[in-house]
Amino acid sequence: MNLVLKALLKTIVRGVCLMAAFPCAAAAAFGRWEPVYTLFAQGYAMAPGVLGDYLRIAFYKLTLAECSLSSRVSFGSFFAHREARLGANAYIGSYCIIGRASIGERAQIASGVQILSGSRQHVRDEEGEISGAEQGIFTTVGIGAHCWIGAAAVVMADVGEGATVGAGSVVTRPIPAHSVAAGNPARVFRSFTADS
């Protein structure tokens, strides 16, 4: 009986938060008006407590390319680009910045992680001058289902399904599925099958 009541309460809270987030999502043209989307994404990042988690996920449900209401985005974290996708039952810890990413179901992202929109957002011209983001190349970084990304990692390349990335690692090259990688740059030091 307690599980039924808990599920019902969650459903009600999610519905109320969707209604509360709707005006902000609509003002941002459901993510298509970038300056307003960014304003509200950063504002919702500062909503405290469990209610803040529900408000954030409701806003992203209405604005991201794809977002499951069963996922959780913790305090201080936000999606910098609305093209991101967040699978079911995924968890994003506090103070994460997520660019163009596709995060699989049940992926676990620890606190302080940055998932960039690839590694070529700023390029240098022939004179060595750095470009602004508007001249950069943005790519979608994939984080596979059932991944664990350790605290303060920086991810610029795909991480395969079921992989683990150690805390503080810098991922500059793709990490294969079902492997463990760590370091700067991150290197695979263990691989295993999905059954082991």
C-alpha atoms as a PDB file:
ATOM      1  CA  MET A   1       0.000   0.000   0.000  1.00  0.00           C
ATOM      2  CA  ASN A   2       2.835   2.434   0.834  1.00  0.00           C
ATOM      3  CA  LEU A   3       4.391   1.905  -2.614  1.00  0.00           C
ATOM      4  CA  VAL A   4       1.073   2.712  -4.292  1.00  0.00           C
ATOM      5  CA  LEU A   5       0.664   5.902  -2.251  1.00  0.00           C
ATOM      6  CA  LYS A   6       4.260   6.926  -2.934  1.00  0.00           C
ATOM      7  CA  ALA A   7       3.809   6.381  -6.689  1.00  0.00           C
ATOM      8  CA  LEU A   8       0.551   8.361  -6.628  1.00  0.00           C
ATOM      9  CA  LEU A   9       2.189  11.223  -4.721  1.00  0.00           C
ATOM     10  CA  LYS A  10       5.095  11.304  -7.210  1.00  0.00           C
ATOM     11  CA  THR A  11       2.635  11.433 -10.107  1.00  0.00           C
ATOM     12  CA  ILE A  12       0.752  14.330  -8.512  1.00  0.00           C
ATOM     13  CA  VAL A  13       3.960  16.272  -7.749  1.00  0.00           C
ATOM     14  CA  ARG A  14       5.223  15.717 -11.306  1.00  0.00           C
ATOM     15  CA  GLY A  15       1.922  16.993 -12.706  1.00  0.00           C
ATOM     16  CA  VAL A  16       1.954  20.095 -10.499  1.00  0.00           C
ATOM     17  CA  CYS A  17       5.596  20.812 -11.446  1.00  0.00           C
ATOM     18  CA  LEU A  18       4.806  20.418 -15.153  1.00  0.00           C
ATOM     19  CA  MET A  19       2.048  23.008 -14.779  1.00  0.00           C
ATOM     20  CA  ALA A  20       4.380  25.314 -12.822  1.00  0.00           C
ATOM     21  CA  ALA A  21       7.154  25.014 -15.424  1.00  0.00           C
ATOM     22  CA  PHE A  22       4.834  25.405 -18.416  1.00  0.00           C
ATOM     23  CA  PRO A  23       4.811  29.253 -18.510  1.00  0.00           C
ATOM     24  CA  CYS A  24       8.631  29.407 -18.458  1.00  0.00           C
ATOM     25  CA  ALA A  25       8.921  26.687 -21.103  1.00  0.00           C
ATOM     26  CA  ALA A  26       6.355  28.484 -23.263  1.00  0.00           C
ATOM     27  CA  ALA A  27       8.201  31.819 -22.831  1.00  0.00           C
ATOM     28  CA  ALA A  28      11.330  30.028 -24.108  1.00  0.00           C
ATOM     29  CA  ALA A  29       9.339  28.677 -27.083  1.00  0.00           C
ATOM     30  CA  PHE A  30       9.822  25.227 -25.551  1.00  0.00           C
ATOM     31  CA  GLY A  31      13.580  25.567 -25.809  1.00  0.00           C
ATOM     32  CA  ARG A  32      13.797  27.080 -29.278  1.00  0.00           C
ATOM     33  CA  TRP A  33      14.408  30.656 -28.067  1.00  0.00           C
ATOM     34  CA  GLU A  34      17.920  30.147 -26.756  1.00  0.00           C
ATOM     35  CA  PRO A  35      18.479  33.269 -24.596  1.00  0.00           C
ATOM     36  CA  VAL A  36      15.230  32.731 -22.687  1.00  0.00           C
ATOM     37  CA  TYR A  37      15.819  28.968 -22.463  1.00  0.00           C
ATOM     38  CA  THR A  38      19.265  29.621 -20.930  1.00  0.00           C
ATOM     39  CA  LEU A  39      17.821  32.134 -18.466  1.00  0.00           C
ATOM     40  CA  PHE A  40      15.283  29.656 -17.133  1.00  0.00           C
ATOM     41  CA  ALA A  41      17.629  26.637 -17.259  1.00  0.00           C
ATOM     42  CA  GLN A  42      20.119  28.474 -15.066  1.00  0.00           C
ATOM     43  CA  GLY A  43      17.329  29.789 -12.828  1.00  0.00           C
ATOM     44  CA  TYR A  44      15.841  26.327 -12.278  1.00  0.00           C
ATOM     45  CA  ALA A  45      19.337  25.019 -11.489  1.00  0.00           C
ATOM     46  CA  MET A  46      19.221  27.080  -8.280  1.00  0.00           C
ATOM     47  CA  ALA A  47      15.879  25.697  -7.017  1.00  0.00           C
ATOM     48  CA  PRO A  48      16.756  23.843  -3.780  1.00  0.00           C
ATOM     49  CA  GLY A  49      15.716  20.481  -2.406  1.00  0.00           C
ATOM     50  CA  VAL A  50      13.614  17.683  -3.803  1.00  0.00           C
ATOM     51  CA  LEU A  51      11.037  20.151  -5.114  1.00  0.00           C
ATOM     52  CA  GLY A  52      13.827  21.775  -7.146  1.00  0.00           C
ATOM     53  CA  ASP A  53      14.671  18.364  -8.639  1.00  0.00           C
ATOM     54  CA  TYR A  54      11.045  17.945  -9.719  1.00  0.00           C
ATOM     55  CA  LEU A  55      10.864  21.484 -11.151  1.00  0.00           C
ATOM     56  CA  ARG A  56      14.090  21.025 -13.138  1.00  0.00           C
ATOM     57  CA  ILE A  57      12.992  17.741 -14.684  1.00  0.00           C
ATOM     58  CA  ALA A  58       9.566  19.219 -15.532  1.00  0.00           C
ATOM     59  CA  PHE A  59      11.193  22.182 -17.295  1.00  0.00           C
ATOM     60  CA  TYR A  60      13.501  19.873 -19.243  1.00  0.00           C
ATOM     61  CA  LYS A  61      10.634  17.548 -20.135  1.00  0.00           C
ATOM     62  CA  LEU A  62       9.035  20.554 -21.844  1.00  0.00           C
ATOM     63  CA  THR A  63      12.176  21.963 -23.493  1.00  0.00           C
ATOM     64  CA  LEU A  64      14.822  19.312 -24.265  1.00  0.00           C
ATOM     65  CA  ALA A  65      14.754  17.189 -27.403  1.00  0.00           C
ATOM     66  CA  GLU A  66      13.932  14.242 -25.106  1.00  0.00           C
ATOM     67  CA  CYS A  67      13.653  13.927 -21.336  1.00  0.00           C
ATOM     68  CA  SER A  68      12.111  11.337 -19.033  1.00  0.00           C
ATOM     69  CA  LEU A  69      10.222  12.510 -15.955  1.00  0.00           C
ATOM     70  CA  SER A  70      11.653   9.517 -14.071  1.00  0.00           C
ATOM     71  CA  SER A  71      15.154  11.016 -14.188  1.00  0.00           C
ATOM     72  CA  ARG A  72      16.701  13.411 -11.691  1.00  0.00           C
ATOM     73  CA  VAL A  73      18.771  16.555 -12.186  1.00  0.00           C
ATOM     74  CA  SER A  74      20.271  17.818  -8.914  1.00  0.00           C
ATOM     75  CA  PHE A  75      20.896  21.315  -7.552  1.00  0.00           C
ATOM     76  CA  GLY A  76      23.205  23.564  -9.553  1.00  0.00           C
ATOM     77  CA  SER A  77      23.113  21.410 -12.697  1.00  0.00           C
ATOM     78  CA  PHE A  78      21.758  22.508 -16.042  1.00  0.00           C
ATOM     79  CA  PHE A  79      21.622  21.628 -19.738  1.00  0.00           C
ATOM     80  CA  ALA A  80      23.356  24.334 -21.785  1.00  0.00           C
ATOM     81  CA  HIS A  81      21.756  23.171 -25.052  1.00  0.00           C
ATOM     82  CA  ARG A  82      18.159  22.130 -25.610  1.00  0.00           C
ATOM     83  CA  GLU A  83      19.247  19.490 -28.159  1.00  0.00           C
ATOM     84  CA  ALA A  84      20.215  17.193 -25.286  1.00  0.00           C
ATOM     85  CA  ARG A  85      18.447  13.912 -24.516  1.00  0.00           C
ATOM     86  CA  LEU A  86      18.001  12.335 -21.089  1.00  0.00           C
ATOM     87  CA  GLY A  87      16.855   8.719 -20.812  1.00  0.00           C
ATOM     88  CA  ALA A  88      14.670   7.103 -18.177  1.00  0.00           C
ATOM     89  CA  ASN A  89      15.844   6.770 -14.568  1.00  0.00           C
ATOM     90  CA  ALA A  90      19.090   8.646 -15.212  1.00  0.00           C
ATOM     91  CA  TYR A  91      20.707  10.635 -12.405  1.00  0.00           C
ATOM     92  CA  ILE A  92      22.721  13.839 -12.704  1.00  0.00           C
ATOM     93  CA  GLY A  93      24.490  15.022  -9.546  1.00  0.00           C
ATOM     94  CA  SER A  94      24.960  18.590  -8.343  1.00  0.00           C
ATOM     95  CA  TYR A  95      26.850  21.298 -10.241  1.00  0.00           C
ATOM     96  CA  CYS A  96      27.039  19.543 -13.615  1.00  0.00           C
ATOM     97  CA  ILE A  97      26.995  21.360 -16.950  1.00  0.00           C
ATOM     98  CA  ILE A  98      25.659  19.295 -19.814  1.00  0.00           C
ATOM     99  CA  GLY A  99      26.080  20.382 -23.436  1.00  0.00           C
ATOM    100  CA  ARG A 100      24.736  18.534 -26.458  1.00  0.00           C
ATOM    101  CA  ALA A 101      24.583  15.090 -24.939  1.00  0.00           C
ATOM    102  CA  SER A 102      22.490  11.982 -25.282  1.00  0.00           C
ATOM    103  CA  ILE A 103      22.404  10.290 -21.879  1.00  0.00           C
ATOM    104  CA  GLY A 104      21.095   6.734 -21.783  1.00  0.00           C
ATOM    105  CA  GLU A 105      18.731   5.164 -19.302  1.00  0.00           C
ATOM    106  CA  ARG A 106      19.991   4.536 -15.783  1.00  0.00           C
ATOM    107  CA  ALA A 107      23.208   6.446 -16.449  1.00  0.00           C
ATOM    108  CA  GLN A 108      24.680   7.899 -13.267  1.00  0.00           C
ATOM    109  CA  ILE A 109      26.513  11.220 -13.543  1.00  0.00           C
ATOM    110  CA  ALA A 110      28.295  12.264 -10.319  1.00  0.00           C
ATOM    111  CA  SER A 111      28.630  15.859  -9.084  1.00  0.00           C
ATOM    112  CA  GLY A 112      30.766  18.431 -10.874  1.00  0.00           C
ATOM    113  CA  VAL A 113      30.826  16.603 -14.214  1.00  0.00           C
ATOM    114  CA  GLN A 114      31.013  18.552 -17.467  1.00  0.00           C
ATOM    115  CA  ILE A 115      29.808  16.932 -20.665  1.00  0.00           C
ATOM    116  CA  LEU A 116      30.907  19.202 -23.488  1.00  0.00           C
ATOM    117  CA  SER A 117      29.438  19.395 -26.979  1.00  0.00           C
ATOM    118  CA  GLY A 118      32.482  17.654 -28.437  1.00  0.00           C
ATOM    119  CA  SER A 119      36.064  18.902 -28.448  1.00  0.00           C
ATOM    120  CA  ARG A 120      35.941  21.516 -31.220  1.00  0.00           C
ATOM    121  CA  GLN A 121      33.638  24.217 -29.880  1.00  0.00           C
ATOM    122  CA  HIS A 122      36.391  26.818 -30.228  1.00  0.00           C
ATOM    123  CA  VAL A 123      38.868  26.676 -33.091  1.00  0.00           C
ATOM    124  CA  ARG A 124      41.857  28.810 -34.050  1.00  0.00           C
ATOM    125  CA  ASP A 125      42.196  30.568 -37.385  1.00  0.00           C
ATOM    126  CA  GLU A 126      45.376  30.880 -39.492  1.00  0.00           C
ATOM    127  CA  GLU A 127      46.647  33.714 -37.258  1.00  0.00           C
ATOM    128  CA  GLY A 128      46.092  31.658 -34.121  1.00  0.00           C
ATOM    129  CA  GLU A 129      43.095  33.682 -32.925  1.00  0.00           C
ATOM    130  CA  ILE A 130      40.504  31.721 -30.986  1.00  0.00           C
ATOM    131  CA  SER A 131      36.976  31.758 -32.364  1.00  0.00           C
ATOM    132  CA  GLY A 132      33.755  32.263 -30.501  1.00  0.00           C
ATOM    133  CA  ALA A 133      31.315  29.433 -30.030  1.00  0.00           C
ATOM    134  CA  GLU A 134      29.328  30.565 -33.078  1.00  0.00           C
ATOM    135  CA  GLN A 135      32.195  29.434 -35.343  1.00  0.00           C
ATOM    136  CA  GLY A 136      32.822  26.199 -33.462  1.00  0.00           C
ATOM    137  CA  ILE A 137      31.694  22.685 -34.277  1.00  0.00           C
ATOM    138  CA  PHE A 138      29.138  21.284 -31.843  1.00  0.00           C
ATOM    139  CA  THR A 139      28.613  17.536 -31.725  1.00  0.00           C
ATOM    140  CA  THR A 140      26.393  15.329 -29.601  1.00  0.00           C
ATOM    141  CA  VAL A 141      28.329  13.309 -27.025  1.00  0.00           C
ATOM    142  CA  GLY A 142      26.720   9.973 -26.208  1.00  0.00           C
ATOM    143  CA  ILE A 143      26.685   8.548 -22.690  1.00  0.00           C
ATOM    144  CA  GLY A 144      25.427   4.974 -22.916  1.00  0.00           C
ATOM    145  CA  ALA A 145      22.834   3.323 -20.726  1.00  0.00           C
ATOM    146  CA  HIS A 146      23.992   2.109 -17.305  1.00  0.00           C
ATOM    147  CA  CYS A 147      27.188   4.224 -17.350  1.00  0.00           C
ATOM    148  CA  TRP A 148      28.847   5.683 -14.282  1.00  0.00           C
ATOM    149  CA  ILE A 149      30.707   8.975 -14.737  1.00  0.00           C
ATOM    150  CA  GLY A 150      32.780   9.846 -11.648  1.00  0.00           C
ATOM    151  CA  ALA A 151      32.873  13.227  -9.918  1.00  0.00           C
ATOM    152  CA  ALA A 152      34.519  16.159 -11.717  1.00  0.00           C
ATOM    153  CA  ALA A 153      35.089  14.240 -14.953  1.00  0.00           C
ATOM    154  CA  VAL A 154      35.196  16.187 -18.224  1.00  0.00           C
ATOM    155  CA  VAL A 155      33.663  14.267 -21.123  1.00  0.00           C
ATOM    156  CA  MET A 156      34.291  15.333 -24.739  1.00  0.00           C
ATOM    157  CA  ALA A 157      33.756  11.977 -26.497  1.00  0.00           C
ATOM    158  CA  ASP A 158      31.272   9.107 -26.419  1.00  0.00           C
ATOM    159  CA  VAL A 159      31.146   6.702 -23.496  1.00  0.00           C
ATOM    160  CA  GLY A 160      29.787   3.256 -24.383  1.00  0.00           C
ATOM    161  CA  GLU A 161      26.999   1.408 -22.604  1.00  0.00           C
ATOM    162  CA  GLY A 162      27.853   0.101 -19.153  1.00  0.00           C
ATOM    163  CA  ALA A 163      31.224   1.875 -19.011  1.00  0.00           C
ATOM    164  CA  THR A 164      32.732   3.539 -15.939  1.00  0.00           C
ATOM    165  CA  VAL A 165      34.762   6.742 -16.069  1.00  0.00           C
ATOM    166  CA  GLY A 166      36.881   7.490 -12.994  1.00  0.00           C
ATOM    167  CA  ALA A 167      36.562  10.685 -10.975  1.00  0.00           C
ATOM    168  CA  GLY A 168      38.526  13.609 -12.387  1.00  0.00           C
ATOM    169  CA  SER A 169      39.123  11.908 -15.719  1.00  0.00           C
ATOM    170  CA  VAL A 170      39.209  13.788 -19.025  1.00  0.00           C
ATOM    171  CA  VAL A 171      37.589  11.817 -21.848  1.00  0.00           C
ATOM    172  CA  THR A 172      39.028  12.965 -25.177  1.00  0.00           C
ATOM    173  CA  ARG A 173      38.519   9.717 -27.145  1.00  0.00           C
ATOM    174  CA  PRO A 174      35.565   7.299 -27.203  1.00  0.00           C
ATOM    175  CA  ILE A 175      35.402   4.818 -24.322  1.00  0.00           C
ATOM    176  CA  PRO A 176      34.196   1.339 -25.375  1.00  0.00           C
ATOM    177  CA  ALA A 177      31.143  -0.284 -23.826  1.00  0.00           C
ATOM    178  CA  HIS A 178      31.641  -2.326 -20.650  1.00  0.00           C
ATOM    179  CA  SER A 179      35.033  -0.901 -19.805  1.00  0.00           C
ATOM    180  CA  VAL A 180      36.625   1.124 -17.024  1.00  0.00           C
ATOM    181  CA  ALA A 181      38.653   4.209 -17.924  1.00  0.00           C
ATOM    182  CA  ALA A 182      40.466   6.813 -15.844  1.00  0.00           C
ATOM    183  CA  GLY A 183      43.125   9.482 -16.097  1.00  0.00           C
ATOM    184  CA  ASN A 184      43.950  12.569 -18.098  1.00  0.00           C
ATOM    185  CA  PRO A 185      43.504  11.722 -20.866  1.00  0.00           C
ATOM    186  CA  ALA A 186      41.255   8.821 -19.891  1.00  0.00           C
ATOM    187  CA  ARG A 187      42.623   5.392 -20.814  1.00  0.00           C
ATOM    188  CA  VAL A 188      40.867   2.053 -20.632  1.00  0.00           C
ATOM    189  CA  PHE A 189      42.475  -0.210 -18.048  1.00  0.00           C
ATOM    190  CA  ARG A 190      39.808  -2.874 -17.730  1.00  0.00           C
ATOM    191  CA  SER A 191      37.132  -4.357 -19.981  1.00  0.00           C
ATOM    192  CA  PHE A 192      34.438  -6.840 -19.101  1.00  0.00           C
ATOM    193  CA  THR A 193      31.398  -8.447 -20.695  1.00  0.00           C
ATOM    194  CA  ALA A 194      27.880  -7.407 -19.805  1.00  0.00           C
ATOM    195  CA  ASP A 195      27.432 -10.765 -17.999  1.00  0.00           C
ATOM    196  CA  SER A 196      30.550 -10.532 -15.778  1.00  0.00           C
END
